[in-house]
Amino acid sequence: RVSSHQLPTPLAVLKTQVQSALRGDVEPRLALEEIAQTVEGATELANQMLALAKVEQLRQQDDVPVSDWTQTVRHVALDLSALIADKALDFELEAGEARVRAHEWSLRELTRNLLHNAVRHSPVGGRLTIRLGRDGEQATLLIRDEGPGISELQRTRLFQAFATDATTRGSGSGLGLAICHGLVETLQGRIALDNRIQHGRVAGLDARVELPLAAHD
């Protein structure tokens, strides 16, 4: 559930920044940069909260269309290509045919949150891989990065709403992975984030989602 107490926080920060700028505590350009950053964060929070609310609406719907997850994955990768290029990531995409019973919005939101999360935590020049395929009656999405992975403490709060970067690997608003978890539950699938261990150390994170293939597929 969405916690309403989180709503006033960005506005309170913004108000303080505006008051500080009006008093001349900081130079105008720096004040505007700080205000712009706060507005961007507030916008992200609002969008994520709307997405979380939409997940709750989707739980009540029975007539779910068949969508092409393959095209969605490709479109999301294209949308985030600038972020991938900015980190000079060694990026690989393999997307086989995968049609699932889900709203296109759900697939896009799910894929975007996981991929954006992987890009943010990837080191510059690291390897980032997306694979979408079929395994029996399941469509499987695997996103592999070379980031720091997650600790056992982080894992305990991984899919909680408003669990921030200090404790989880979620989005800046602390809602990204909560949205993913809610969407996968709605679609009767499974989601897991697991450290990839090589030579006794964490080499990255594997984010895996399994969704049932459309019955007629």
N, C-alpha and C. Protein backbone atom coordinates (compact mmCIF):
# COMPACT_ATOMS: atom_id res chain seq x y z
N ARG A 1 0.82 -1.21 0.00
CA ARG A 1 0.00 0.00 0.00
C ARG A 1 0.85 1.26 0.00
N VAL A 2 0.33 2.32 -0.58
CA VAL A 2 1.05 3.58 -0.63
C VAL A 2 0.90 4.31 0.69
N SER A 3 2.02 4.80 1.24
CA SER A 3 1.99 5.55 2.49
C SER A 3 1.85 7.03 2.21
N SER A 4 0.77 7.63 2.67
CA SER A 4 0.51 9.03 2.37
C SER A 4 1.51 9.97 3.03
N HIS A 5 2.18 9.49 4.12
CA HIS A 5 3.11 10.38 4.81
C HIS A 5 4.32 10.71 3.94
N GLN A 6 4.54 9.93 2.86
CA GLN A 6 5.67 10.21 1.98
C GLN A 6 5.40 11.40 1.06
N LEU A 7 4.15 11.75 0.86
CA LEU A 7 3.79 12.79 -0.10
C LEU A 7 4.34 14.18 0.23
N PRO A 8 4.22 14.67 1.47
CA PRO A 8 4.65 16.05 1.73
C PRO A 8 6.16 16.26 1.67
N THR A 9 6.96 15.19 1.76
CA THR A 9 8.40 15.34 1.89
C THR A 9 9.05 16.17 0.78
N PRO A 10 8.84 15.83 -0.51
CA PRO A 10 9.47 16.64 -1.56
C PRO A 10 8.99 18.09 -1.56
N LEU A 11 7.73 18.31 -1.25
CA LEU A 11 7.20 19.67 -1.23
C LEU A 11 7.81 20.47 -0.08
N ALA A 12 8.03 19.82 1.05
CA ALA A 12 8.66 20.51 2.18
C ALA A 12 10.10 20.91 1.83
N VAL A 13 10.81 20.00 1.17
CA VAL A 13 12.17 20.29 0.74
C VAL A 13 12.18 21.44 -0.26
N LEU A 14 11.25 21.37 -1.21
CA LEU A 14 11.16 22.42 -2.24
C LEU A 14 10.87 23.78 -1.62
N LYS A 15 9.96 23.80 -0.65
CA LYS A 15 9.62 25.06 0.03
C LYS A 15 10.85 25.64 0.73
N THR A 16 11.61 24.79 1.40
CA THR A 16 12.82 25.24 2.09
C THR A 16 13.84 25.79 1.10
N GLN A 17 13.99 25.11 -0.03
CA GLN A 17 14.95 25.57 -1.03
C GLN A 17 14.55 26.91 -1.63
N VAL A 18 13.27 27.10 -1.88
CA VAL A 18 12.78 28.37 -2.43
C VAL A 18 13.02 29.50 -1.42
N GLN A 19 12.68 29.25 -0.17
CA GLN A 19 12.88 30.26 0.87
C GLN A 19 14.36 30.63 0.99
N SER A 20 15.23 29.64 0.92
CA SER A 20 16.66 29.88 1.00
C SER A 20 17.15 30.71 -0.18
N ALA A 21 16.60 30.41 -1.36
CA ALA A 21 16.98 31.16 -2.56
C ALA A 21 16.52 32.60 -2.47
N LEU A 22 15.31 32.81 -1.96
CA LEU A 22 14.78 34.17 -1.84
C LEU A 22 15.59 34.99 -0.83
N ARG A 23 16.11 34.33 0.19
CA ARG A 23 16.93 35.05 1.18
C ARG A 23 18.34 35.33 0.66
N GLY A 24 18.69 34.65 -0.45
CA GLY A 24 20.02 34.84 -1.01
C GLY A 24 21.08 34.01 -0.31
N ASP A 25 20.66 32.92 0.34
CA ASP A 25 21.62 32.07 1.04
C ASP A 25 22.59 31.38 0.08
N VAL A 26 22.11 31.10 -1.12
CA VAL A 26 22.95 30.46 -2.14
C VAL A 26 22.84 31.26 -3.43
N GLU A 27 23.82 31.10 -4.31
CA GLU A 27 23.79 31.83 -5.58
C GLU A 27 22.65 31.31 -6.45
N PRO A 28 22.06 32.18 -7.28
CA PRO A 28 20.85 31.82 -8.05
C PRO A 28 20.98 30.55 -8.86
N ARG A 29 22.09 30.37 -9.57
CA ARG A 29 22.22 29.18 -10.42
C ARG A 29 22.21 27.90 -9.59
N LEU A 30 22.94 27.90 -8.49
CA LEU A 30 22.98 26.72 -7.63
C LEU A 30 21.61 26.45 -7.02
N ALA A 31 20.91 27.52 -6.64
CA ALA A 31 19.57 27.37 -6.08
C ALA A 31 18.62 26.73 -7.09
N LEU A 32 18.70 27.19 -8.35
CA LEU A 32 17.83 26.64 -9.40
C LEU A 32 18.17 25.18 -9.68
N GLU A 33 19.44 24.84 -9.65
CA GLU A 33 19.84 23.45 -9.86
C GLU A 33 19.28 22.55 -8.76
N GLU A 34 19.35 23.02 -7.53
CA GLU A 34 18.83 22.24 -6.40
C GLU A 34 17.31 22.09 -6.50
N ILE A 35 16.64 23.17 -6.86
CA ILE A 35 15.18 23.14 -7.01
C ILE A 35 14.79 22.19 -8.14
N ALA A 36 15.52 22.25 -9.26
CA ALA A 36 15.22 21.38 -10.40
C ALA A 36 15.38 19.92 -10.03
N GLN A 37 16.40 19.61 -9.23
CA GLN A 37 16.62 18.23 -8.80
C GLN A 37 15.48 17.75 -7.90
N THR A 38 15.02 18.63 -7.03
CA THR A 38 13.91 18.27 -6.14
C THR A 38 12.63 18.05 -6.94
N VAL A 39 12.37 18.91 -7.92
CA VAL A 39 11.18 18.77 -8.77
C VAL A 39 11.24 17.46 -9.54
N GLU A 40 12.43 17.12 -10.04
CA GLU A 40 12.58 15.86 -10.78
C GLU A 40 12.27 14.66 -9.88
N GLY A 41 12.77 14.71 -8.65
CA GLY A 41 12.50 13.63 -7.71
C GLY A 41 11.04 13.54 -7.34
N ALA A 42 10.39 14.69 -7.16
CA ALA A 42 8.96 14.71 -6.83
C ALA A 42 8.13 14.17 -7.98
N THR A 43 8.54 14.49 -9.21
CA THR A 43 7.83 13.99 -10.39
C THR A 43 7.95 12.48 -10.49
N GLU A 44 9.16 11.97 -10.23
CA GLU A 44 9.36 10.52 -10.26
C GLU A 44 8.51 9.84 -9.20
N LEU A 45 8.47 10.42 -8.00
CA LEU A 45 7.68 9.86 -6.92
C LEU A 45 6.20 9.81 -7.29
N ALA A 46 5.70 10.92 -7.86
CA ALA A 46 4.29 10.99 -8.25
C ALA A 46 3.97 9.93 -9.31
N ASN A 47 4.85 9.81 -10.31
CA ASN A 47 4.63 8.83 -11.37
C ASN A 47 4.65 7.41 -10.83
N GLN A 48 5.58 7.13 -9.92
CA GLN A 48 5.67 5.79 -9.35
C GLN A 48 4.47 5.47 -8.48
N MET A 49 3.97 6.46 -7.75
CA MET A 49 2.80 6.24 -6.91
C MET A 49 1.56 5.98 -7.78
N LEU A 50 1.47 6.68 -8.89
CA LEU A 50 0.37 6.43 -9.83
C LEU A 50 0.48 5.02 -10.40
N ALA A 51 1.71 4.60 -10.69
CA ALA A 51 1.91 3.25 -11.21
C ALA A 51 1.51 2.20 -10.18
N LEU A 52 1.89 2.44 -8.91
CA LEU A 52 1.54 1.49 -7.86
C LEU A 52 0.03 1.41 -7.69
N ALA A 53 -0.65 2.54 -7.80
CA ALA A 53 -2.12 2.55 -7.72
C ALA A 53 -2.72 1.79 -8.89
N LYS A 54 -2.11 1.92 -10.05
CA LYS A 54 -2.62 1.22 -11.24
C LYS A 54 -2.46 -0.29 -11.09
N VAL A 55 -1.39 -0.71 -10.44
CA VAL A 55 -1.20 -2.14 -10.18
C VAL A 55 -2.38 -2.68 -9.38
N GLU A 56 -2.80 -1.92 -8.38
CA GLU A 56 -3.95 -2.34 -7.56
C GLU A 56 -5.21 -2.44 -8.41
N GLN A 57 -5.39 -1.54 -9.36
CA GLN A 57 -6.54 -1.59 -10.25
C GLN A 57 -6.51 -2.83 -11.14
N LEU A 58 -5.30 -3.16 -11.62
CA LEU A 58 -5.16 -4.31 -12.51
C LEU A 58 -5.49 -5.63 -11.81
N ARG A 59 -5.30 -5.65 -10.49
CA ARG A 59 -5.63 -6.87 -9.74
C ARG A 59 -7.11 -7.22 -9.86
N GLN A 60 -7.93 -6.21 -10.10
CA GLN A 60 -9.38 -6.42 -10.13
C GLN A 60 -9.89 -6.79 -11.53
N GLN A 61 -9.02 -6.75 -12.53
CA GLN A 61 -9.45 -6.98 -13.91
C GLN A 61 -9.31 -8.45 -14.29
N ASP A 62 -10.33 -8.95 -14.97
CA ASP A 62 -10.32 -10.34 -15.42
C ASP A 62 -10.00 -10.47 -16.91
N ASP A 63 -10.43 -9.52 -17.71
CA ASP A 63 -10.25 -9.59 -19.15
C ASP A 63 -8.88 -9.00 -19.53
N VAL A 64 -7.86 -9.84 -19.49
CA VAL A 64 -6.49 -9.38 -19.75
C VAL A 64 -6.07 -9.79 -21.17
N PRO A 65 -5.60 -8.85 -21.98
CA PRO A 65 -5.24 -9.16 -23.37
C PRO A 65 -3.91 -9.91 -23.47
N VAL A 66 -3.66 -10.49 -24.63
CA VAL A 66 -2.38 -11.12 -24.93
C VAL A 66 -1.47 -10.05 -25.53
N SER A 67 -0.25 -9.94 -24.99
CA SER A 67 0.70 -8.92 -25.46
C SER A 67 2.03 -9.57 -25.85
N ASP A 68 2.74 -8.89 -26.72
CA ASP A 68 4.04 -9.36 -27.21
C ASP A 68 5.13 -8.78 -26.31
N TRP A 69 5.65 -9.60 -25.41
CA TRP A 69 6.68 -9.13 -24.47
C TRP A 69 7.98 -8.80 -25.21
N THR A 70 8.21 -9.49 -26.30
CA THR A 70 9.44 -9.28 -27.07
C THR A 70 9.56 -7.83 -27.54
N GLN A 71 8.51 -7.32 -28.16
CA GLN A 71 8.54 -5.94 -28.65
C GLN A 71 8.67 -4.95 -27.51
N THR A 72 8.02 -5.25 -26.40
CA THR A 72 8.11 -4.36 -25.24
C THR A 72 9.54 -4.26 -24.73
N VAL A 73 10.22 -5.40 -24.62
CA VAL A 73 11.61 -5.42 -24.15
C VAL A 73 12.49 -4.60 -25.09
N ARG A 74 12.30 -4.76 -26.37
CA ARG A 74 13.11 -4.01 -27.34
C ARG A 74 12.85 -2.52 -27.26
N HIS A 75 11.59 -2.13 -27.10
CA HIS A 75 11.24 -0.71 -27.00
C HIS A 75 11.83 -0.09 -25.73
N VAL A 76 11.76 -0.82 -24.62
CA VAL A 76 12.30 -0.31 -23.36
C VAL A 76 13.81 -0.14 -23.47
N ALA A 77 14.48 -1.11 -24.06
CA ALA A 77 15.93 -1.02 -24.24
C ALA A 77 16.29 0.20 -25.09
N LEU A 78 15.50 0.46 -26.11
CA LEU A 78 15.73 1.64 -26.95
C LEU A 78 15.51 2.92 -26.16
N ASP A 79 14.46 2.95 -25.34
CA ASP A 79 14.15 4.13 -24.54
C ASP A 79 15.30 4.46 -23.58
N LEU A 80 15.96 3.43 -23.06
CA LEU A 80 17.02 3.63 -22.08
C LEU A 80 18.41 3.60 -22.71
N SER A 81 18.48 3.61 -24.03
CA SER A 81 19.77 3.48 -24.71
C SER A 81 20.72 4.62 -24.37
N ALA A 82 20.18 5.82 -24.14
CA ALA A 82 21.05 6.95 -23.80
C ALA A 82 21.74 6.72 -22.45
N LEU A 83 21.02 6.17 -21.48
CA LEU A 83 21.61 5.87 -20.17
C LEU A 83 22.65 4.76 -20.29
N ILE A 84 22.36 3.78 -21.14
CA ILE A 84 23.29 2.67 -21.36
C ILE A 84 24.57 3.19 -22.00
N ALA A 85 24.41 4.07 -23.00
CA ALA A 85 25.57 4.64 -23.69
C ALA A 85 26.38 5.55 -22.77
N ASP A 86 25.69 6.27 -21.90
CA ASP A 86 26.36 7.21 -21.00
C ASP A 86 27.34 6.48 -20.07
N LYS A 87 27.03 5.23 -19.75
CA LYS A 87 27.92 4.43 -18.91
C LYS A 87 28.84 3.53 -19.72
N ALA A 88 28.76 3.66 -21.04
CA ALA A 88 29.61 2.87 -21.94
C ALA A 88 29.50 1.37 -21.63
N LEU A 89 28.28 0.90 -21.40
CA LEU A 89 28.07 -0.50 -21.03
C LEU A 89 28.20 -1.42 -22.24
N ASP A 90 28.75 -2.58 -22.00
CA ASP A 90 28.81 -3.63 -23.01
C ASP A 90 27.45 -4.31 -23.00
N PHE A 91 26.57 -3.86 -23.86
CA PHE A 91 25.15 -4.24 -23.79
C PHE A 91 24.81 -5.31 -24.81
N GLU A 92 24.06 -6.32 -24.36
CA GLU A 92 23.64 -7.40 -25.24
C GLU A 92 22.16 -7.69 -25.01
N LEU A 93 21.42 -7.83 -26.08
CA LEU A 93 19.99 -8.12 -26.00
C LEU A 93 19.65 -9.32 -26.87
N GLU A 94 19.06 -10.33 -26.25
CA GLU A 94 18.54 -11.49 -26.95
C GLU A 94 17.06 -11.64 -26.58
N ALA A 95 16.19 -11.46 -27.55
CA ALA A 95 14.75 -11.50 -27.25
C ALA A 95 14.04 -12.43 -28.23
N GLY A 96 13.73 -13.63 -27.77
CA GLY A 96 12.96 -14.56 -28.57
C GLY A 96 11.47 -14.28 -28.43
N GLU A 97 10.68 -15.02 -29.15
CA GLU A 97 9.23 -14.81 -29.13
C GLU A 97 8.65 -15.18 -27.77
N ALA A 98 7.83 -14.29 -27.24
CA ALA A 98 7.21 -14.54 -25.93
C ALA A 98 5.94 -13.72 -25.82
N ARG A 99 4.82 -14.39 -26.00
CA ARG A 99 3.52 -13.73 -25.87
C ARG A 99 2.88 -14.18 -24.56
N VAL A 100 2.49 -13.20 -23.77
CA VAL A 100 1.93 -13.48 -22.44
C VAL A 100 0.61 -12.73 -22.29
N ARG A 101 -0.18 -13.20 -21.33
CA ARG A 101 -1.46 -12.53 -21.07
C ARG A 101 -1.22 -11.42 -20.04
N ALA A 102 -1.08 -10.21 -20.57
CA ALA A 102 -0.77 -9.06 -19.72
C ALA A 102 -1.03 -7.79 -20.51
N HIS A 103 -1.39 -6.72 -19.80
CA HIS A 103 -1.50 -5.42 -20.45
C HIS A 103 -0.09 -4.95 -20.85
N GLU A 104 0.00 -4.31 -22.00
CA GLU A 104 1.30 -3.83 -22.47
C GLU A 104 1.92 -2.88 -21.46
N TRP A 105 1.10 -2.08 -20.80
CA TRP A 105 1.61 -1.15 -19.79
C TRP A 105 2.33 -1.91 -18.68
N SER A 106 1.74 -3.03 -18.25
CA SER A 106 2.34 -3.82 -17.17
C SER A 106 3.72 -4.33 -17.57
N LEU A 107 3.82 -4.86 -18.78
CA LEU A 107 5.09 -5.38 -19.26
C LEU A 107 6.13 -4.28 -19.40
N ARG A 108 5.71 -3.13 -19.89
CA ARG A 108 6.63 -2.02 -20.07
C ARG A 108 7.14 -1.51 -18.72
N GLU A 109 6.23 -1.35 -17.76
CA GLU A 109 6.60 -0.84 -16.44
C GLU A 109 7.53 -1.82 -15.73
N LEU A 110 7.21 -3.09 -15.83
CA LEU A 110 8.01 -4.13 -15.21
C LEU A 110 9.42 -4.15 -15.79
N THR A 111 9.50 -4.20 -17.12
CA THR A 111 10.80 -4.28 -17.80
C THR A 111 11.61 -3.02 -17.58
N ARG A 112 10.97 -1.87 -17.65
CA ARG A 112 11.69 -0.61 -17.51
C ARG A 112 12.28 -0.46 -16.10
N ASN A 113 11.51 -0.77 -15.09
CA ASN A 113 12.02 -0.64 -13.72
C ASN A 113 13.23 -1.54 -13.49
N LEU A 114 13.16 -2.78 -13.97
CA LEU A 114 14.27 -3.71 -13.76
C LEU A 114 15.50 -3.31 -14.55
N LEU A 115 15.30 -2.88 -15.80
CA LEU A 115 16.45 -2.50 -16.62
C LEU A 115 17.07 -1.20 -16.12
N HIS A 116 16.23 -0.24 -15.76
CA HIS A 116 16.75 1.03 -15.23
C HIS A 116 17.54 0.78 -13.94
N ASN A 117 17.04 -0.10 -13.12
CA ASN A 117 17.72 -0.47 -11.88
C ASN A 117 19.09 -1.07 -12.18
N ALA A 118 19.15 -1.94 -13.18
CA ALA A 118 20.41 -2.59 -13.54
C ALA A 118 21.41 -1.58 -14.10
N VAL A 119 20.95 -0.65 -14.92
CA VAL A 119 21.83 0.37 -15.49
C VAL A 119 22.40 1.25 -14.38
N ARG A 120 21.55 1.67 -13.46
CA ARG A 120 21.99 2.57 -12.38
C ARG A 120 23.08 1.95 -11.53
N HIS A 121 23.00 0.64 -11.32
CA HIS A 121 23.96 -0.01 -10.43
C HIS A 121 25.12 -0.65 -11.17
N SER A 122 25.14 -0.53 -12.49
CA SER A 122 26.25 -1.08 -13.26
C SER A 122 27.45 -0.15 -13.20
N PRO A 123 28.66 -0.71 -13.12
CA PRO A 123 29.85 0.13 -13.18
C PRO A 123 30.09 0.61 -14.62
N VAL A 124 30.76 1.72 -14.76
CA VAL A 124 31.08 2.24 -16.08
C VAL A 124 31.88 1.19 -16.85
N GLY A 125 31.45 0.91 -18.08
CA GLY A 125 32.13 -0.07 -18.90
C GLY A 125 31.78 -1.50 -18.59
N GLY A 126 30.83 -1.71 -17.66
CA GLY A 126 30.44 -3.07 -17.29
C GLY A 126 29.59 -3.74 -18.35
N ARG A 127 29.35 -5.01 -18.14
CA ARG A 127 28.55 -5.79 -19.07
C ARG A 127 27.11 -5.86 -18.57
N LEU A 128 26.17 -5.65 -19.47
CA LEU A 128 24.74 -5.71 -19.14
C LEU A 128 24.04 -6.55 -20.20
N THR A 129 23.33 -7.57 -19.74
CA THR A 129 22.71 -8.51 -20.67
C THR A 129 21.22 -8.66 -20.38
N ILE A 130 20.43 -8.67 -21.45
CA ILE A 130 19.00 -8.97 -21.34
C ILE A 130 18.71 -10.19 -22.21
N ARG A 131 18.05 -11.16 -21.62
CA ARG A 131 17.63 -12.34 -22.39
C ARG A 131 16.16 -12.61 -22.11
N LEU A 132 15.39 -12.73 -23.16
CA LEU A 132 13.97 -13.09 -23.04
C LEU A 132 13.75 -14.34 -23.87
N GLY A 133 13.20 -15.37 -23.26
CA GLY A 133 12.98 -16.62 -23.97
C GLY A 133 11.84 -17.41 -23.36
N ARG A 134 11.75 -18.66 -23.78
CA ARG A 134 10.68 -19.54 -23.31
C ARG A 134 11.30 -20.75 -22.65
N ASP A 135 10.70 -21.13 -21.53
CA ASP A 135 11.12 -22.33 -20.81
C ASP A 135 9.87 -23.11 -20.44
N GLY A 136 9.57 -24.10 -21.25
CA GLY A 136 8.32 -24.85 -21.05
C GLY A 136 7.12 -23.96 -21.27
N GLU A 137 6.28 -23.82 -20.26
CA GLU A 137 5.08 -23.00 -20.36
C GLU A 137 5.31 -21.58 -19.83
N GLN A 138 6.57 -21.24 -19.59
CA GLN A 138 6.88 -19.94 -19.03
C GLN A 138 7.69 -19.08 -20.00
N ALA A 139 7.43 -17.79 -19.97
CA ALA A 139 8.30 -16.82 -20.62
C ALA A 139 9.24 -16.29 -19.53
N THR A 140 10.54 -16.25 -19.83
CA THR A 140 11.52 -15.89 -18.82
C THR A 140 12.34 -14.69 -19.27
N LEU A 141 12.36 -13.66 -18.44
CA LEU A 141 13.19 -12.49 -18.68
C LEU A 141 14.34 -12.51 -17.68
N LEU A 142 15.57 -12.40 -18.19
CA LEU A 142 16.75 -12.37 -17.33
C LEU A 142 17.56 -11.12 -17.65
N ILE A 143 17.79 -10.30 -16.62
CA ILE A 143 18.62 -9.11 -16.76
C ILE A 143 19.82 -9.26 -15.83
N ARG A 144 21.01 -9.29 -16.44
CA ARG A 144 22.24 -9.54 -15.68
C ARG A 144 23.13 -8.30 -15.73
N ASP A 145 23.54 -7.83 -14.56
CA ASP A 145 24.47 -6.70 -14.51
C ASP A 145 25.73 -7.10 -13.76
N GLU A 146 26.68 -6.18 -13.69
CA GLU A 146 27.93 -6.43 -12.98
C GLU A 146 28.07 -5.48 -11.79
N GLY A 147 26.93 -5.12 -11.22
CA GLY A 147 26.91 -4.23 -10.07
C GLY A 147 27.28 -4.93 -8.78
N PRO A 148 27.08 -4.25 -7.64
CA PRO A 148 27.50 -4.79 -6.34
C PRO A 148 26.60 -5.87 -5.76
N GLY A 149 25.48 -6.15 -6.42
CA GLY A 149 24.56 -7.14 -5.88
C GLY A 149 23.80 -6.61 -4.69
N ILE A 150 23.25 -7.52 -3.89
CA ILE A 150 22.45 -7.12 -2.73
C ILE A 150 22.91 -7.91 -1.51
N SER A 151 22.84 -7.25 -0.34
CA SER A 151 23.20 -7.91 0.91
C SER A 151 21.99 -8.63 1.48
N GLU A 152 22.22 -9.45 2.48
CA GLU A 152 21.10 -10.15 3.12
C GLU A 152 20.17 -9.15 3.80
N LEU A 153 20.70 -8.08 4.36
CA LEU A 153 19.86 -7.05 4.97
C LEU A 153 18.98 -6.38 3.92
N GLN A 154 19.57 -6.06 2.77
CA GLN A 154 18.80 -5.45 1.69
C GLN A 154 17.70 -6.39 1.21
N ARG A 155 17.99 -7.67 1.17
CA ARG A 155 17.02 -8.64 0.66
C ARG A 155 15.74 -8.66 1.49
N THR A 156 15.86 -8.41 2.80
CA THR A 156 14.68 -8.48 3.66
C THR A 156 13.67 -7.38 3.34
N ARG A 157 14.11 -6.29 2.67
CA ARG A 157 13.20 -5.19 2.37
C ARG A 157 13.11 -4.92 0.87
N LEU A 158 13.55 -5.87 0.08
CA LEU A 158 13.75 -5.65 -1.35
C LEU A 158 12.51 -5.16 -2.08
N PHE A 159 11.35 -5.72 -1.77
CA PHE A 159 10.14 -5.38 -2.51
C PHE A 159 9.18 -4.51 -1.70
N GLN A 160 9.66 -3.90 -0.63
CA GLN A 160 8.80 -3.04 0.18
C GLN A 160 8.72 -1.64 -0.43
N ALA A 161 7.50 -1.09 -0.47
CA ALA A 161 7.32 0.27 -0.95
C ALA A 161 8.02 1.26 -0.04
N PHE A 162 8.66 2.26 -0.65
CA PHE A 162 9.37 3.34 0.05
C PHE A 162 10.60 2.87 0.80
N ALA A 163 11.10 1.68 0.48
CA ALA A 163 12.40 1.28 1.00
C ALA A 163 13.44 1.91 0.09
N THR A 164 14.21 2.86 0.61
CA THR A 164 15.07 3.68 -0.24
C THR A 164 16.42 3.03 -0.49
N ASP A 165 17.25 3.72 -1.29
CA ASP A 165 18.54 3.18 -1.70
C ASP A 165 19.45 2.87 -0.52
N ALA A 166 19.20 3.49 0.64
CA ALA A 166 20.04 3.22 1.80
C ALA A 166 19.90 1.78 2.26
N THR A 167 18.77 1.16 1.94
CA THR A 167 18.54 -0.20 2.42
C THR A 167 18.23 -1.18 1.30
N THR A 168 17.91 -0.71 0.12
CA THR A 168 17.56 -1.62 -0.95
C THR A 168 18.20 -1.20 -2.26
N ARG A 169 17.94 -2.01 -3.26
CA ARG A 169 18.45 -1.73 -4.59
C ARG A 169 17.33 -1.15 -5.45
N GLY A 170 16.34 -0.57 -4.84
CA GLY A 170 15.19 -0.07 -5.56
C GLY A 170 15.47 1.23 -6.28
N SER A 171 14.43 1.81 -6.88
CA SER A 171 14.57 3.08 -7.57
C SER A 171 14.73 4.20 -6.58
N GLY A 172 15.04 5.41 -7.09
CA GLY A 172 15.26 6.54 -6.22
C GLY A 172 14.07 6.85 -5.34
N SER A 173 12.87 6.57 -5.81
CA SER A 173 11.68 6.83 -5.01
C SER A 173 11.39 5.70 -4.03
N GLY A 174 12.10 4.59 -4.17
CA GLY A 174 11.85 3.45 -3.30
C GLY A 174 10.62 2.66 -3.68
N LEU A 175 10.13 2.85 -4.91
CA LEU A 175 8.91 2.17 -5.34
C LEU A 175 9.12 1.22 -6.51
N GLY A 176 10.24 1.34 -7.21
CA GLY A 176 10.43 0.58 -8.44
C GLY A 176 10.25 -0.92 -8.28
N LEU A 177 10.95 -1.52 -7.31
CA LEU A 177 10.87 -2.96 -7.14
C LEU A 177 9.54 -3.38 -6.52
N ALA A 178 8.94 -2.51 -5.71
CA ALA A 178 7.62 -2.81 -5.17
C ALA A 178 6.59 -2.91 -6.30
N ILE A 179 6.72 -2.02 -7.28
CA ILE A 179 5.84 -2.06 -8.45
C ILE A 179 6.07 -3.34 -9.23
N CYS A 180 7.34 -3.71 -9.43
CA CYS A 180 7.64 -4.95 -10.15
C CYS A 180 7.03 -6.16 -9.46
N HIS A 181 7.19 -6.21 -8.15
CA HIS A 181 6.66 -7.34 -7.38
C HIS A 181 5.14 -7.41 -7.49
N GLY A 182 4.49 -6.25 -7.38
CA GLY A 182 3.03 -6.22 -7.49
C GLY A 182 2.55 -6.64 -8.87
N LEU A 183 3.24 -6.19 -9.90
CA LEU A 183 2.86 -6.56 -11.27
C LEU A 183 3.02 -8.06 -11.50
N VAL A 184 4.13 -8.61 -11.06
CA VAL A 184 4.36 -10.04 -11.26
C VAL A 184 3.33 -10.87 -10.52
N GLU A 185 2.98 -10.46 -9.31
CA GLU A 185 1.92 -11.15 -8.58
C GLU A 185 0.61 -11.10 -9.34
N THR A 186 0.28 -9.92 -9.86
CA THR A 186 -0.96 -9.75 -10.62
C THR A 186 -0.98 -10.66 -11.85
N LEU A 187 0.19 -10.85 -12.47
CA LEU A 187 0.29 -11.66 -13.68
C LEU A 187 0.54 -13.13 -13.39
N GLN A 188 0.46 -13.49 -12.11
CA GLN A 188 0.63 -14.89 -11.67
C GLN A 188 1.99 -15.45 -12.06
N GLY A 189 2.99 -14.61 -11.91
CA GLY A 189 4.34 -15.04 -12.24
C GLY A 189 5.24 -15.06 -11.02
N ARG A 190 6.54 -15.08 -11.27
CA ARG A 190 7.54 -15.10 -10.19
C ARG A 190 8.66 -14.13 -10.52
N ILE A 191 9.22 -13.51 -9.49
CA ILE A 191 10.34 -12.60 -9.66
C ILE A 191 11.38 -12.91 -8.60
N ALA A 192 12.64 -12.86 -8.99
CA ALA A 192 13.73 -13.11 -8.05
C ALA A 192 14.94 -12.27 -8.44
N LEU A 193 15.62 -11.72 -7.43
CA LEU A 193 16.87 -11.01 -7.63
C LEU A 193 17.94 -11.74 -6.83
N ASP A 194 18.93 -12.27 -7.51
CA ASP A 194 19.94 -13.09 -6.86
C ASP A 194 21.35 -12.65 -7.25
N ASN A 195 22.23 -12.65 -6.27
CA ASN A 195 23.63 -12.36 -6.54
C ASN A 195 24.23 -13.47 -7.41
N ARG A 196 25.08 -13.07 -8.32
CA ARG A 196 25.82 -14.02 -9.15
C ARG A 196 27.23 -14.14 -8.58
N ILE A 197 27.58 -15.33 -8.13
CA ILE A 197 28.86 -15.54 -7.46
C ILE A 197 29.86 -16.17 -8.43
N GLN A 198 31.02 -15.55 -8.53
CA GLN A 198 32.11 -16.10 -9.35
C GLN A 198 33.41 -15.99 -8.56
N HIS A 199 34.12 -17.12 -8.46
CA HIS A 199 35.40 -17.16 -7.74
C HIS A 199 35.26 -16.64 -6.30
N GLY A 200 34.13 -16.99 -5.69
CA GLY A 200 33.92 -16.66 -4.29
C GLY A 200 33.51 -15.24 -3.99
N ARG A 201 33.20 -14.45 -5.01
CA ARG A 201 32.77 -13.07 -4.76
C ARG A 201 31.57 -12.73 -5.64
N VAL A 202 30.87 -11.65 -5.26
CA VAL A 202 29.69 -11.21 -6.02
C VAL A 202 30.16 -10.56 -7.32
N ALA A 203 29.71 -11.10 -8.44
CA ALA A 203 30.10 -10.59 -9.75
C ALA A 203 28.99 -9.76 -10.39
N GLY A 204 27.84 -9.70 -9.73
CA GLY A 204 26.72 -8.94 -10.28
C GLY A 204 25.40 -9.48 -9.77
N LEU A 205 24.34 -8.99 -10.37
CA LEU A 205 22.99 -9.38 -9.95
C LEU A 205 22.22 -9.94 -11.15
N ASP A 206 21.47 -11.00 -10.90
CA ASP A 206 20.57 -11.57 -11.90
C ASP A 206 19.14 -11.27 -11.47
N ALA A 207 18.42 -10.51 -12.28
CA ALA A 207 16.99 -10.26 -12.05
C ALA A 207 16.21 -11.15 -13.01
N ARG A 208 15.41 -12.05 -12.47
CA ARG A 208 14.70 -13.02 -13.29
C ARG A 208 13.19 -12.91 -13.05
N VAL A 209 12.44 -12.85 -14.14
CA VAL A 209 10.99 -12.83 -14.07
C VAL A 209 10.44 -13.96 -14.93
N GLU A 210 9.51 -14.71 -14.40
CA GLU A 210 8.83 -15.76 -15.15
C GLU A 210 7.34 -15.46 -15.18
N LEU A 211 6.78 -15.44 -16.39
CA LEU A 211 5.35 -15.24 -16.58
C LEU A 211 4.78 -16.37 -17.43
N PRO A 212 3.56 -16.79 -17.15
CA PRO A 212 2.97 -17.85 -17.96
C PRO A 212 2.77 -17.41 -19.40
N LEU A 213 3.14 -18.27 -20.33
CA LEU A 213 2.87 -17.98 -21.74
C LEU A 213 1.37 -17.97 -21.99
N ALA A 214 0.94 -17.17 -22.96
CA ALA A 214 -0.48 -17.12 -23.31
C ALA A 214 -0.95 -18.52 -23.69
N ALA A 215 -2.16 -18.87 -23.28
CA ALA A 215 -2.65 -20.25 -23.42
C ALA A 215 -2.64 -20.73 -24.86
N HIS A 216 -2.94 -19.82 -25.82
CA HIS A 216 -3.03 -20.26 -27.21
C HIS A 216 -1.70 -20.18 -27.94
N ASP A 217 -0.65 -19.76 -27.20
CA ASP A 217 0.65 -19.54 -27.84
C ASP A 217 1.33 -20.87 -28.15
